[in-house]
Amino acid sequence: MPPTDVHTDSGPGPAPRPGGGAEDTLDLRLPDDFLTLFRGNDGAGPSTPAAVPTPASTVAPAPAWEPTWPVGQAATTAPRSGRGQAAAAHLALAKADGGAGAGDLLDNLGGWEPAATPLGVFRLVPVILERDLELISRWMNDPAVAAFWELAGPDSVTATHLRAQLDGDGRSIPCLGVLDDKPMSYFEIYRADLDPLARHYPARPHDTGIHLLIGGVVHRGRGVGSVLLRAVSDLVLDNRPRCTRVLAEPDMCNTPSVSAFLTSGFRYAAELDLPDKRAALMVRDRALRNVL
């Protein structure tokens, strides 16, 4: 299963299992004769071995996080690696779907403009492993986070989790939440309709899911989580015109987390029996975004 909860300022919740292996995605394999149309575009055919990821021990994290663009400007591209035959097929389906963002499963998330919030200027910055691993791993080893994300341990544990997304087809993008040019939170923005979550609720095309953790104690307990959830869901709705709703699935027992979603414009839609918990399906509808 993918990450299944958020860790907001108002309360923790379970989140992703480490690894993100094959069970993390639905089986969307297309017929071989269809896939042959795209061989050569990505340089890999059925017999071409997949690229071997760099061992985590070889990653040299940057000593301090610095933006890779001039201060005040948003990143313009989302890092992506390891695209193979399956990735090309998914991207081809996105192109065939037409409309804004064709060819990108999350509509060029790396190019989204920053958002003004009551706390400052906020932007989503797609993770670059070599730059961000040390920081994210440190957050994952915070006991308040580790209890729910289950990614505590050496940097290689977090690296494996991040690579599963970075080397994928783009249906899930790990991001830093950057407030006034300082990274302070971690997000995973993902296509809920292409996720195992879709097996547990009536999914619609382009449903988009959010997972969140607040990275430092200084940013917790001040209503920050609710502000960020509203800002990020607004960014999704503003930049993904075919997305009609943003989803999350906090644990039903995590009352503070559910409350944070309700405060940020989400509504309680249903209870879901997921493999590892009873979850509250929280939904922010495009049609109701100016009402809730």
C-alpha atoms as a PDB file:
ATOM      1  CA  MET A   1       0.000   0.000   0.000  1.00  0.00           C
ATOM      2  CA  PRO A   2       1.071   3.607  -0.499  1.00  0.00           C
ATOM      3  CA  PRO A   3       1.334   6.084   2.342  1.00  0.00           C
ATOM      4  CA  THR A   4      -2.026   6.120   4.064  1.00  0.00           C
ATOM      5  CA  ASP A   5      -2.080   9.169   6.282  1.00  0.00           C
ATOM      6  CA  VAL A   6      -0.699  12.595   7.016  1.00  0.00           C
ATOM      7  CA  HIS A   7       1.220  14.005   9.924  1.00  0.00           C
ATOM      8  CA  THR A   8      -0.116  17.502  10.511  1.00  0.00           C
ATOM      9  CA  ASP A   9       0.513  20.005  13.227  1.00  0.00           C
ATOM     10  CA  SER A  10      -2.746  19.029  14.877  1.00  0.00           C
ATOM     11  CA  GLY A  11      -2.069  15.351  15.188  1.00  0.00           C
ATOM     12  CA  PRO A  12      -0.114  12.419  13.761  1.00  0.00           C
ATOM     13  CA  GLY A  13      -1.321   9.645  11.581  1.00  0.00           C
ATOM     14  CA  PRO A  14       0.030   6.533   9.919  1.00  0.00           C
ATOM     15  CA  ALA A  15       1.783   6.942   6.622  1.00  0.00           C
ATOM     16  CA  PRO A  16       3.833   5.198   4.031  1.00  0.00           C
ATOM     17  CA  ARG A  17       5.319   1.795   4.338  1.00  0.00           C
ATOM     18  CA  PRO A  18       8.970   1.707   3.330  1.00  0.00           C
ATOM     19  CA  GLY A  19      10.065   0.383  -0.004  1.00  0.00           C
ATOM     20  CA  GLY A  20       7.198   1.205  -2.331  1.00  0.00           C
ATOM     21  CA  GLY A  21       7.525  -2.068  -4.231  1.00  0.00           C
ATOM     22  CA  ALA A  22       5.372  -3.593  -6.918  1.00  0.00           C
ATOM     23  CA  GLU A  23       2.301  -3.713  -4.675  1.00  0.00           C
ATOM     24  CA  ASP A  24       2.373   0.083  -4.464  1.00  0.00           C
ATOM     25  CA  THR A  25       0.809   0.480  -7.904  1.00  0.00           C
ATOM     26  CA  LEU A  26      -2.088  -0.999  -9.783  1.00  0.00           C
ATOM     27  CA  ASP A  27      -1.342  -3.408 -12.615  1.00  0.00           C
ATOM     28  CA  LEU A  28      -1.932  -1.203 -15.635  1.00  0.00           C
ATOM     29  CA  ARG A  29      -0.027  -3.289 -18.189  1.00  0.00           C
ATOM     30  CA  LEU A  30      -1.061  -2.639 -21.785  1.00  0.00           C
ATOM     31  CA  PRO A  31      -1.075  -5.124 -24.668  1.00  0.00           C
ATOM     32  CA  ASP A  32       2.349  -5.782 -26.186  1.00  0.00           C
ATOM     33  CA  ASP A  33       1.272  -4.661 -29.652  1.00  0.00           C
ATOM     34  CA  PHE A  34       0.220  -1.323 -28.183  1.00  0.00           C
ATOM     35  CA  LEU A  35       3.493  -0.904 -26.323  1.00  0.00           C
ATOM     36  CA  THR A  36       5.521  -1.555 -29.475  1.00  0.00           C
ATOM     37  CA  LEU A  37       4.346   1.826 -30.740  1.00  0.00           C
ATOM     38  CA  PHE A  38       6.500   3.466 -28.098  1.00  0.00           C
ATOM     39  CA  ARG A  39       9.628   1.351 -28.287  1.00  0.00           C
ATOM     40  CA  GLY A  40      12.495   3.489 -29.372  1.00  0.00           C
ATOM     41  CA  ASN A  41      11.001   6.654 -27.849  1.00  0.00           C
ATOM     42  CA  ASP A  42      12.443   5.855 -24.449  1.00  0.00           C
ATOM     43  CA  GLY A  43      15.394   3.816 -25.625  1.00  0.00           C
ATOM     44  CA  ALA A  44      14.220   0.598 -24.005  1.00  0.00           C
ATOM     45  CA  GLY A  45      12.454  -2.449 -25.418  1.00  0.00           C
ATOM     46  CA  PRO A  46      11.132  -5.510 -23.625  1.00  0.00           C
ATOM     47  CA  SER A  47      14.559  -7.147 -23.646  1.00  0.00           C
ATOM     48  CA  THR A  48      16.445  -4.113 -22.395  1.00  0.00           C
ATOM     49  CA  PRO A  49      17.369  -4.521 -18.740  1.00  0.00           C
ATOM     50  CA  ALA A  50      16.141  -1.847 -16.360  1.00  0.00           C
ATOM     51  CA  ALA A  51      18.624   0.654 -15.069  1.00  0.00           C
ATOM     52  CA  VAL A  52      20.207  -0.386 -11.802  1.00  0.00           C
ATOM     53  CA  PRO A  53      19.627   2.298  -9.143  1.00  0.00           C
ATOM     54  CA  THR A  54      22.656   3.785  -7.476  1.00  0.00           C
ATOM     55  CA  PRO A  55      23.220   2.200  -4.049  1.00  0.00           C
ATOM     56  CA  ALA A  56      22.136   4.490  -1.231  1.00  0.00           C
ATOM     57  CA  SER A  57      25.633   4.436   0.218  1.00  0.00           C
ATOM     58  CA  THR A  58      26.955   6.249  -2.852  1.00  0.00           C
ATOM     59  CA  VAL A  59      24.564   9.176  -2.494  1.00  0.00           C
ATOM     60  CA  ALA A  60      26.382  12.222  -1.183  1.00  0.00           C
ATOM     61  CA  PRO A  61      23.758  14.469   0.433  1.00  0.00           C
ATOM     62  CA  ALA A  62      24.366  18.178   0.267  1.00  0.00           C
ATOM     63  CA  PRO A  63      25.617  19.695   3.535  1.00  0.00           C
ATOM     64  CA  ALA A  64      22.841  22.291   3.492  1.00  0.00           C
ATOM     65  CA  TRP A  65      19.641  22.622   1.501  1.00  0.00           C
ATOM     66  CA  GLU A  66      19.710  25.318  -1.123  1.00  0.00           C
ATOM     67  CA  PRO A  67      17.187  25.990  -3.885  1.00  0.00           C
ATOM     68  CA  THR A  68      18.342  25.133  -7.386  1.00  0.00           C
ATOM     69  CA  TRP A  69      16.702  28.243  -8.800  1.00  0.00           C
ATOM     70  CA  PRO A  70      17.140  31.955  -7.950  1.00  0.00           C
ATOM     71  CA  VAL A  71      15.402  32.916  -4.712  1.00  0.00           C
ATOM     72  CA  GLY A  72      11.862  34.067  -5.413  1.00  0.00           C
ATOM     73  CA  GLN A  73      11.423  31.923  -8.531  1.00  0.00           C
ATOM     74  CA  ALA A  74       9.752  28.552  -8.699  1.00  0.00           C
ATOM     75  CA  ALA A  75      11.475  25.447  -9.947  1.00  0.00           C
ATOM     76  CA  THR A  76      10.665  24.867 -13.603  1.00  0.00           C
ATOM     77  CA  THR A  77      11.155  21.141 -13.990  1.00  0.00           C
ATOM     78  CA  ALA A  78      10.441  18.044 -11.945  1.00  0.00           C
ATOM     79  CA  PRO A  79      13.371  15.621 -11.706  1.00  0.00           C
ATOM     80  CA  ARG A  80      12.521  12.257 -13.131  1.00  0.00           C
ATOM     81  CA  SER A  81      14.661   9.260 -13.900  1.00  0.00           C
ATOM     82  CA  GLY A  82      14.334   5.617 -14.814  1.00  0.00           C
ATOM     83  CA  ARG A  83      11.531   5.976 -17.348  1.00  0.00           C
ATOM     84  CA  GLY A  84      11.130   2.699 -19.143  1.00  0.00           C
ATOM     85  CA  GLN A  85       8.608   1.044 -21.380  1.00  0.00           C
ATOM     86  CA  ALA A  86       5.779   1.064 -18.840  1.00  0.00           C
ATOM     87  CA  ALA A  87       6.351   4.741 -18.078  1.00  0.00           C
ATOM     88  CA  ALA A  88       6.185   5.605 -21.779  1.00  0.00           C
ATOM     89  CA  ALA A  89       2.886   3.772 -22.061  1.00  0.00           C
ATOM     90  CA  HIS A  90       1.362   5.682 -19.154  1.00  0.00           C
ATOM     91  CA  LEU A  91       2.579   8.980 -20.540  1.00  0.00           C
ATOM     92  CA  ALA A  92       1.156   8.051 -23.935  1.00  0.00           C
ATOM     93  CA  LEU A  93      -2.221   7.479 -22.301  1.00  0.00           C
ATOM     94  CA  ALA A  94      -1.989  10.903 -20.686  1.00  0.00           C
ATOM     95  CA  LYS A  95      -1.251  12.463 -24.081  1.00  0.00           C
ATOM     96  CA  ALA A  96      -4.175  10.629 -25.637  1.00  0.00           C
ATOM     97  CA  ASP A  97      -6.376  12.064 -22.880  1.00  0.00           C
ATOM     98  CA  GLY A  98      -5.572  15.558 -24.181  1.00  0.00           C
ATOM     99  CA  GLY A  99      -6.059  18.822 -22.324  1.00  0.00           C
ATOM    100  CA  ALA A 100      -3.765  20.750 -20.028  1.00  0.00           C
ATOM    101  CA  GLY A 101      -0.662  18.971 -18.931  1.00  0.00           C
ATOM    102  CA  ALA A 102      -0.912  16.279 -21.589  1.00  0.00           C
ATOM    103  CA  GLY A 103       2.033  13.927 -21.344  1.00  0.00           C
ATOM    104  CA  ASP A 104       2.516  14.455 -17.603  1.00  0.00           C
ATOM    105  CA  LEU A 105       0.523  12.451 -15.068  1.00  0.00           C
ATOM    106  CA  LEU A 106       0.603  15.329 -12.561  1.00  0.00           C
ATOM    107  CA  ASP A 107       0.525  18.288 -14.942  1.00  0.00           C
ATOM    108  CA  ASN A 108       4.106  19.542 -14.585  1.00  0.00           C
ATOM    109  CA  LEU A 109       4.030  19.818 -10.797  1.00  0.00           C
ATOM    110  CA  GLY A 110       7.594  21.143 -10.775  1.00  0.00           C
ATOM    111  CA  GLY A 111       6.488  24.225 -12.681  1.00  0.00           C
ATOM    112  CA  TRP A 112       3.622  25.236 -10.416  1.00  0.00           C
ATOM    113  CA  GLU A 113       3.765  28.826  -9.204  1.00  0.00           C
ATOM    114  CA  PRO A 114       4.180  29.506  -5.472  1.00  0.00           C
ATOM    115  CA  ALA A 115       1.134  30.324  -3.339  1.00  0.00           C
ATOM    116  CA  ALA A 116       0.640  33.183  -0.909  1.00  0.00           C
ATOM    117  CA  THR A 117      -0.504  31.951   2.519  1.00  0.00           C
ATOM    118  CA  PRO A 118      -1.054  33.611   5.914  1.00  0.00           C
ATOM    119  CA  LEU A 119       2.301  32.119   6.920  1.00  0.00           C
ATOM    120  CA  GLY A 120       4.319  33.320   3.931  1.00  0.00           C
ATOM    121  CA  VAL A 121       5.051  32.272   0.358  1.00  0.00           C
ATOM    122  CA  PHE A 122       4.716  28.512  -0.061  1.00  0.00           C
ATOM    123  CA  ARG A 123       5.806  26.288  -2.939  1.00  0.00           C
ATOM    124  CA  LEU A 124       6.110  22.599  -3.707  1.00  0.00           C
ATOM    125  CA  VAL A 125       9.617  21.648  -4.827  1.00  0.00           C
ATOM    126  CA  PRO A 126      10.076  18.136  -6.277  1.00  0.00           C
ATOM    127  CA  VAL A 127      12.683  16.188  -4.354  1.00  0.00           C
ATOM    128  CA  ILE A 128      16.219  15.829  -5.708  1.00  0.00           C
ATOM    129  CA  LEU A 129      17.705  12.852  -3.915  1.00  0.00           C
ATOM    130  CA  GLU A 130      21.303  14.090  -3.718  1.00  0.00           C
ATOM    131  CA  ARG A 131      20.186  17.446  -2.334  1.00  0.00           C
ATOM    132  CA  ASP A 132      17.304  16.468  -0.055  1.00  0.00           C
ATOM    133  CA  LEU A 133      17.986  12.968   1.283  1.00  0.00           C
ATOM    134  CA  GLU A 134      19.797  14.019   4.465  1.00  0.00           C
ATOM    135  CA  LEU A 135      17.068  16.471   5.443  1.00  0.00           C
ATOM    136  CA  ILE A 136      14.136  14.144   4.758  1.00  0.00           C
ATOM    137  CA  SER A 137      15.874  11.225   6.477  1.00  0.00           C
ATOM    138  CA  ARG A 138      16.413  13.389   9.543  1.00  0.00           C
ATOM    139  CA  TRP A 139      12.702  14.189   9.624  1.00  0.00           C
ATOM    140  CA  MET A 140      11.833  10.517   9.236  1.00  0.00           C
ATOM    141  CA  ASN A 141      13.954   9.741  12.313  1.00  0.00           C
ATOM    142  CA  ASP A 142      12.067  12.212  14.482  1.00  0.00           C
ATOM    143  CA  PRO A 143      10.166   9.937  16.917  1.00  0.00           C
ATOM    144  CA  ALA A 144       6.944  11.892  16.334  1.00  0.00           C
ATOM    145  CA  VAL A 145       7.193  11.109  12.608  1.00  0.00           C
ATOM    146  CA  ALA A 146       8.805   7.670  12.745  1.00  0.00           C
ATOM    147  CA  ALA A 147       5.870   6.203  14.671  1.00  0.00           C
ATOM    148  CA  PHE A 148       3.632   6.729  11.652  1.00  0.00           C
ATOM    149  CA  TRP A 149       5.800   6.852   8.530  1.00  0.00           C
ATOM    150  CA  GLU A 150       7.891   3.826   9.565  1.00  0.00           C
ATOM    151  CA  LEU A 151      10.972   5.074   7.710  1.00  0.00           C
ATOM    152  CA  ALA A 152      13.356   5.555  10.619  1.00  0.00           C
ATOM    153  CA  GLY A 153      16.893   4.236  10.241  1.00  0.00           C
ATOM    154  CA  PRO A 154      19.870   5.004   8.007  1.00  0.00           C
ATOM    155  CA  ASP A 155      19.543   7.285   5.002  1.00  0.00           C
ATOM    156  CA  SER A 156      19.252   4.217   2.757  1.00  0.00           C
ATOM    157  CA  VAL A 157      15.768   3.490   4.175  1.00  0.00           C
ATOM    158  CA  THR A 158      14.437   6.877   3.123  1.00  0.00           C
ATOM    159  CA  ALA A 159      16.402   6.723  -0.152  1.00  0.00           C
ATOM    160  CA  THR A 160      14.674   3.474  -1.102  1.00  0.00           C
ATOM    161  CA  HIS A 161      11.269   4.997  -0.419  1.00  0.00           C
ATOM    162  CA  LEU A 162      12.038   8.109  -2.472  1.00  0.00           C
ATOM    163  CA  ARG A 163      13.589   6.203  -5.395  1.00  0.00           C
ATOM    164  CA  ALA A 164      10.441   4.107  -5.771  1.00  0.00           C
ATOM    165  CA  GLN A 165       8.683   7.336  -6.736  1.00  0.00           C
ATOM    166  CA  LEU A 166      11.490   9.172  -8.528  1.00  0.00           C
ATOM    167  CA  ASP A 167      12.240   6.177 -10.747  1.00  0.00           C
ATOM    168  CA  GLY A 168       8.568   5.548 -11.464  1.00  0.00           C
ATOM    169  CA  ASP A 169       6.262   6.850 -14.160  1.00  0.00           C
ATOM    170  CA  GLY A 170       5.328  10.066 -12.368  1.00  0.00           C
ATOM    171  CA  ARG A 171       2.090   8.968 -10.743  1.00  0.00           C
ATOM    172  CA  SER A 172       3.541   9.965  -7.335  1.00  0.00           C
ATOM    173  CA  ILE A 173       5.949  12.855  -6.814  1.00  0.00           C
ATOM    174  CA  PRO A 174       7.740  13.457  -3.503  1.00  0.00           C
ATOM    175  CA  CYS A 175       8.153  17.145  -2.732  1.00  0.00           C
ATOM    176  CA  LEU A 176       9.559  19.480  -0.150  1.00  0.00           C
ATOM    177  CA  GLY A 177       7.154  22.066   1.165  1.00  0.00           C
ATOM    178  CA  VAL A 178       9.158  25.295   1.104  1.00  0.00           C
ATOM    179  CA  LEU A 179       7.919  28.269   3.119  1.00  0.00           C
ATOM    180  CA  ASP A 180       9.651  31.590   2.414  1.00  0.00           C
ATOM    181  CA  ASP A 181      12.519  29.671   0.773  1.00  0.00           C
ATOM    182  CA  LYS A 182      13.000  27.357   3.769  1.00  0.00           C
ATOM    183  CA  PRO A 183      12.096  23.647   3.484  1.00  0.00           C
ATOM    184  CA  MET A 184       9.828  22.737   6.417  1.00  0.00           C
ATOM    185  CA  SER A 185       7.548  19.905   5.299  1.00  0.00           C
ATOM    186  CA  TYR A 186       7.389  16.852   3.061  1.00  0.00           C
ATOM    187  CA  PHE A 187       4.552  16.040   0.676  1.00  0.00           C
ATOM    188  CA  GLU A 188       3.671  13.219  -1.661  1.00  0.00           C
ATOM    189  CA  ILE A 189       1.287  14.274  -4.416  1.00  0.00           C
ATOM    190  CA  TYR A 190      -0.095  11.243  -6.196  1.00  0.00           C
ATOM    191  CA  ARG A 191      -2.705  10.083  -8.684  1.00  0.00           C
ATOM    192  CA  ALA A 192      -5.252   8.429  -6.401  1.00  0.00           C
ATOM    193  CA  ASP A 193      -7.079   6.978  -9.401  1.00  0.00           C
ATOM    194  CA  LEU A 194      -3.898   5.061 -10.348  1.00  0.00           C
ATOM    195  CA  ASP A 195      -3.141   4.021  -6.753  1.00  0.00           C
ATOM    196  CA  PRO A 196      -4.243   0.949  -4.755  1.00  0.00           C
ATOM    197  CA  LEU A 197      -6.498   3.358  -2.852  1.00  0.00           C
ATOM    198  CA  ALA A 198      -8.739   3.319  -5.945  1.00  0.00           C
ATOM    199  CA  ARG A 199      -9.714  -0.254  -5.074  1.00  0.00           C
ATOM    200  CA  HIS A 200     -11.434   0.987  -1.938  1.00  0.00           C
ATOM    201  CA  TYR A 201     -13.607   3.880  -3.103  1.00  0.00           C
ATOM    202  CA  PRO A 202     -15.449   4.980  -6.295  1.00  0.00           C
ATOM    203  CA  ALA A 203     -12.477   6.608  -8.008  1.00  0.00           C
ATOM    204  CA  ARG A 204     -12.812   9.267 -10.674  1.00  0.00           C
ATOM    205  CA  PRO A 205     -10.237  10.038 -13.360  1.00  0.00           C
ATOM    206  CA  HIS A 206      -7.534  12.439 -12.146  1.00  0.00           C
ATOM    207  CA  ASP A 207      -8.401  12.152  -8.445  1.00  0.00           C
ATOM    208  CA  THR A 208      -5.317  13.482  -6.654  1.00  0.00           C
ATOM    209  CA  GLY A 209      -4.102  12.404  -3.216  1.00  0.00           C
ATOM    210  CA  ILE A 210      -1.968  14.154  -0.592  1.00  0.00           C
ATOM    211  CA  HIS A 211       0.328  12.821   2.133  1.00  0.00           C
ATOM    212  CA  LEU A 212       2.064  15.270   4.457  1.00  0.00           C
ATOM    213  CA  LEU A 213       4.446  15.553   7.349  1.00  0.00           C
ATOM    214  CA  ILE A 214       5.617  18.681   9.149  1.00  0.00           C
ATOM    215  CA  GLY A 215       9.385  18.551   9.361  1.00  0.00           C
ATOM    216  CA  GLY A 216      10.279  20.484  12.494  1.00  0.00           C
ATOM    217  CA  VAL A 217       8.865  20.872  15.981  1.00  0.00           C
ATOM    218  CA  VAL A 218       8.864  24.657  15.605  1.00  0.00           C
ATOM    219  CA  HIS A 219       6.237  24.358  12.847  1.00  0.00           C
ATOM    220  CA  ARG A 220       3.902  22.049  14.775  1.00  0.00           C
ATOM    221  CA  GLY A 221       0.957  22.954  16.961  1.00  0.00           C
ATOM    222  CA  ARG A 222       0.357  26.393  15.413  1.00  0.00           C
ATOM    223  CA  GLY A 223      -2.268  25.539  12.817  1.00  0.00           C
ATOM    224  CA  VAL A 224       0.428  25.208  10.152  1.00  0.00           C
ATOM    225  CA  GLY A 225      -0.864  21.855   8.895  1.00  0.00           C
ATOM    226  CA  SER A 226      -4.323  23.219   8.108  1.00  0.00           C
ATOM    227  CA  VAL A 227      -2.857  26.199   6.250  1.00  0.00           C
ATOM    228  CA  LEU A 228      -0.590  23.959   4.174  1.00  0.00           C
ATOM    229  CA  LEU A 229      -3.352  21.462   3.390  1.00  0.00           C
ATOM    230  CA  ARG A 230      -5.542  24.250   2.035  1.00  0.00           C
ATOM    231  CA  ALA A 231      -2.652  25.779   0.083  1.00  0.00           C
ATOM    232  CA  VAL A 232      -1.585  22.483  -1.486  1.00  0.00           C
ATOM    233  CA  SER A 233      -5.112  21.391  -2.373  1.00  0.00           C
ATOM    234  CA  ASP A 234      -5.642  24.823  -3.957  1.00  0.00           C
ATOM    235  CA  LEU A 235      -2.439  24.355  -5.952  1.00  0.00           C
ATOM    236  CA  VAL A 236      -3.680  20.984  -7.184  1.00  0.00           C
ATOM    237  CA  LEU A 237      -7.060  22.363  -8.236  1.00  0.00           C
ATOM    238  CA  ASP A 238      -5.506  25.445  -9.859  1.00  0.00           C
ATOM    239  CA  ASN A 239      -2.927  23.478 -11.848  1.00  0.00           C
ATOM    240  CA  ARG A 240      -4.810  20.264 -12.629  1.00  0.00           C
ATOM    241  CA  PRO A 241      -7.939  21.408 -14.501  1.00  0.00           C
ATOM    242  CA  ARG A 242      -9.121  17.827 -15.076  1.00  0.00           C
ATOM    243  CA  CYS A 243      -8.955  17.026 -11.350  1.00  0.00           C
ATOM    244  CA  THR A 244     -12.340  17.525  -9.690  1.00  0.00           C
ATOM    245  CA  ARG A 245     -11.318  16.578  -6.148  1.00  0.00           C
ATOM    246  CA  VAL A 246      -8.352  16.185  -3.824  1.00  0.00           C
ATOM    247  CA  LEU A 247      -8.281  13.233  -1.413  1.00  0.00           C
ATOM    248  CA  ALA A 248      -6.669  12.077   1.817  1.00  0.00           C
ATOM    249  CA  GLU A 249      -7.225   9.074   4.071  1.00  0.00           C
ATOM    250  CA  PRO A 250      -6.237   9.704   7.711  1.00  0.00           C
ATOM    251  CA  ASP A 251      -6.824   7.049  10.329  1.00  0.00           C
ATOM    252  CA  MET A 252     -10.312   7.260  11.832  1.00  0.00           C
ATOM    253  CA  CYS A 253      -8.696   7.158  15.281  1.00  0.00           C
ATOM    254  CA  ASN A 254      -6.627  10.234  14.499  1.00  0.00           C
ATOM    255  CA  THR A 255      -9.254  12.808  15.416  1.00  0.00           C
ATOM    256  CA  PRO A 256      -6.852  15.799  15.349  1.00  0.00           C
ATOM    257  CA  SER A 257      -5.732  14.938  11.819  1.00  0.00           C
ATOM    258  CA  VAL A 258      -9.300  14.562  10.578  1.00  0.00           C
ATOM    259  CA  SER A 259     -10.093  17.892  12.224  1.00  0.00           C
ATOM    260  CA  ALA A 260      -7.189  19.552  10.386  1.00  0.00           C
ATOM    261  CA  PHE A 261      -8.611  18.415   7.055  1.00  0.00           C
ATOM    262  CA  LEU A 262     -12.079  19.688   7.963  1.00  0.00           C
ATOM    263  CA  THR A 263     -10.569  23.050   8.892  1.00  0.00           C
ATOM    264  CA  SER A 264      -8.767  23.261   5.541  1.00  0.00           C
ATOM    265  CA  GLY A 265     -11.825  22.798   3.324  1.00  0.00           C
ATOM    266  CA  PHE A 266     -12.095  19.006   3.121  1.00  0.00           C
ATOM    267  CA  ARG A 267     -15.285  17.119   3.904  1.00  0.00           C
ATOM    268  CA  TYR A 268     -15.694  13.715   5.465  1.00  0.00           C
ATOM    269  CA  ALA A 269     -16.932  11.398   2.694  1.00  0.00           C
ATOM    270  CA  ALA A 270     -16.753   7.801   3.951  1.00  0.00           C
ATOM    271  CA  GLU A 271     -15.023   5.217   6.103  1.00  0.00           C
ATOM    272  CA  LEU A 272     -12.651   2.905   4.248  1.00  0.00           C
ATOM    273  CA  ASP A 273     -11.384  -0.505   5.302  1.00  0.00           C
ATOM    274  CA  LEU A 274      -7.772  -0.313   4.153  1.00  0.00           C
ATOM    275  CA  PRO A 275      -5.338  -3.203   4.691  1.00  0.00           C
ATOM    276  CA  ASP A 276      -3.732  -1.610   7.741  1.00  0.00           C
ATOM    277  CA  LYS A 277      -6.400   0.670   9.208  1.00  0.00           C
ATOM    278  CA  ARG A 278      -9.916   2.029   9.214  1.00  0.00           C
ATOM    279  CA  ALA A 279      -9.572   5.327   7.378  1.00  0.00           C
ATOM    280  CA  ALA A 280     -11.606   8.479   6.939  1.00  0.00           C
ATOM    281  CA  LEU A 281     -11.864   9.430   3.277  1.00  0.00           C
ATOM    282  CA  MET A 282     -11.467  13.197   3.229  1.00  0.00           C
ATOM    283  CA  VAL A 283     -12.398  15.031   0.038  1.00  0.00           C
ATOM    284  CA  ARG A 284     -11.960  18.578  -1.144  1.00  0.00           C
ATOM    285  CA  ASP A 285     -14.263  19.173  -4.112  1.00  0.00           C
ATOM    286  CA  ARG A 286     -13.549  21.709  -6.811  1.00  0.00           C
ATOM    287  CA  ALA A 287     -17.235  22.646  -6.823  1.00  0.00           C
ATOM    288  CA  LEU A 288     -17.185  23.399  -3.092  1.00  0.00           C
ATOM    289  CA  ARG A 289     -13.739  24.968  -2.725  1.00  0.00           C
ATOM    290  CA  ASN A 290     -15.146  28.471  -2.261  1.00  0.00           C
ATOM    291  CA  VAL A 291     -17.814  27.281   0.181  1.00  0.00           C
ATOM    292  CA  LEU A 292     -15.840  25.131   2.646  1.00  0.00           C
END
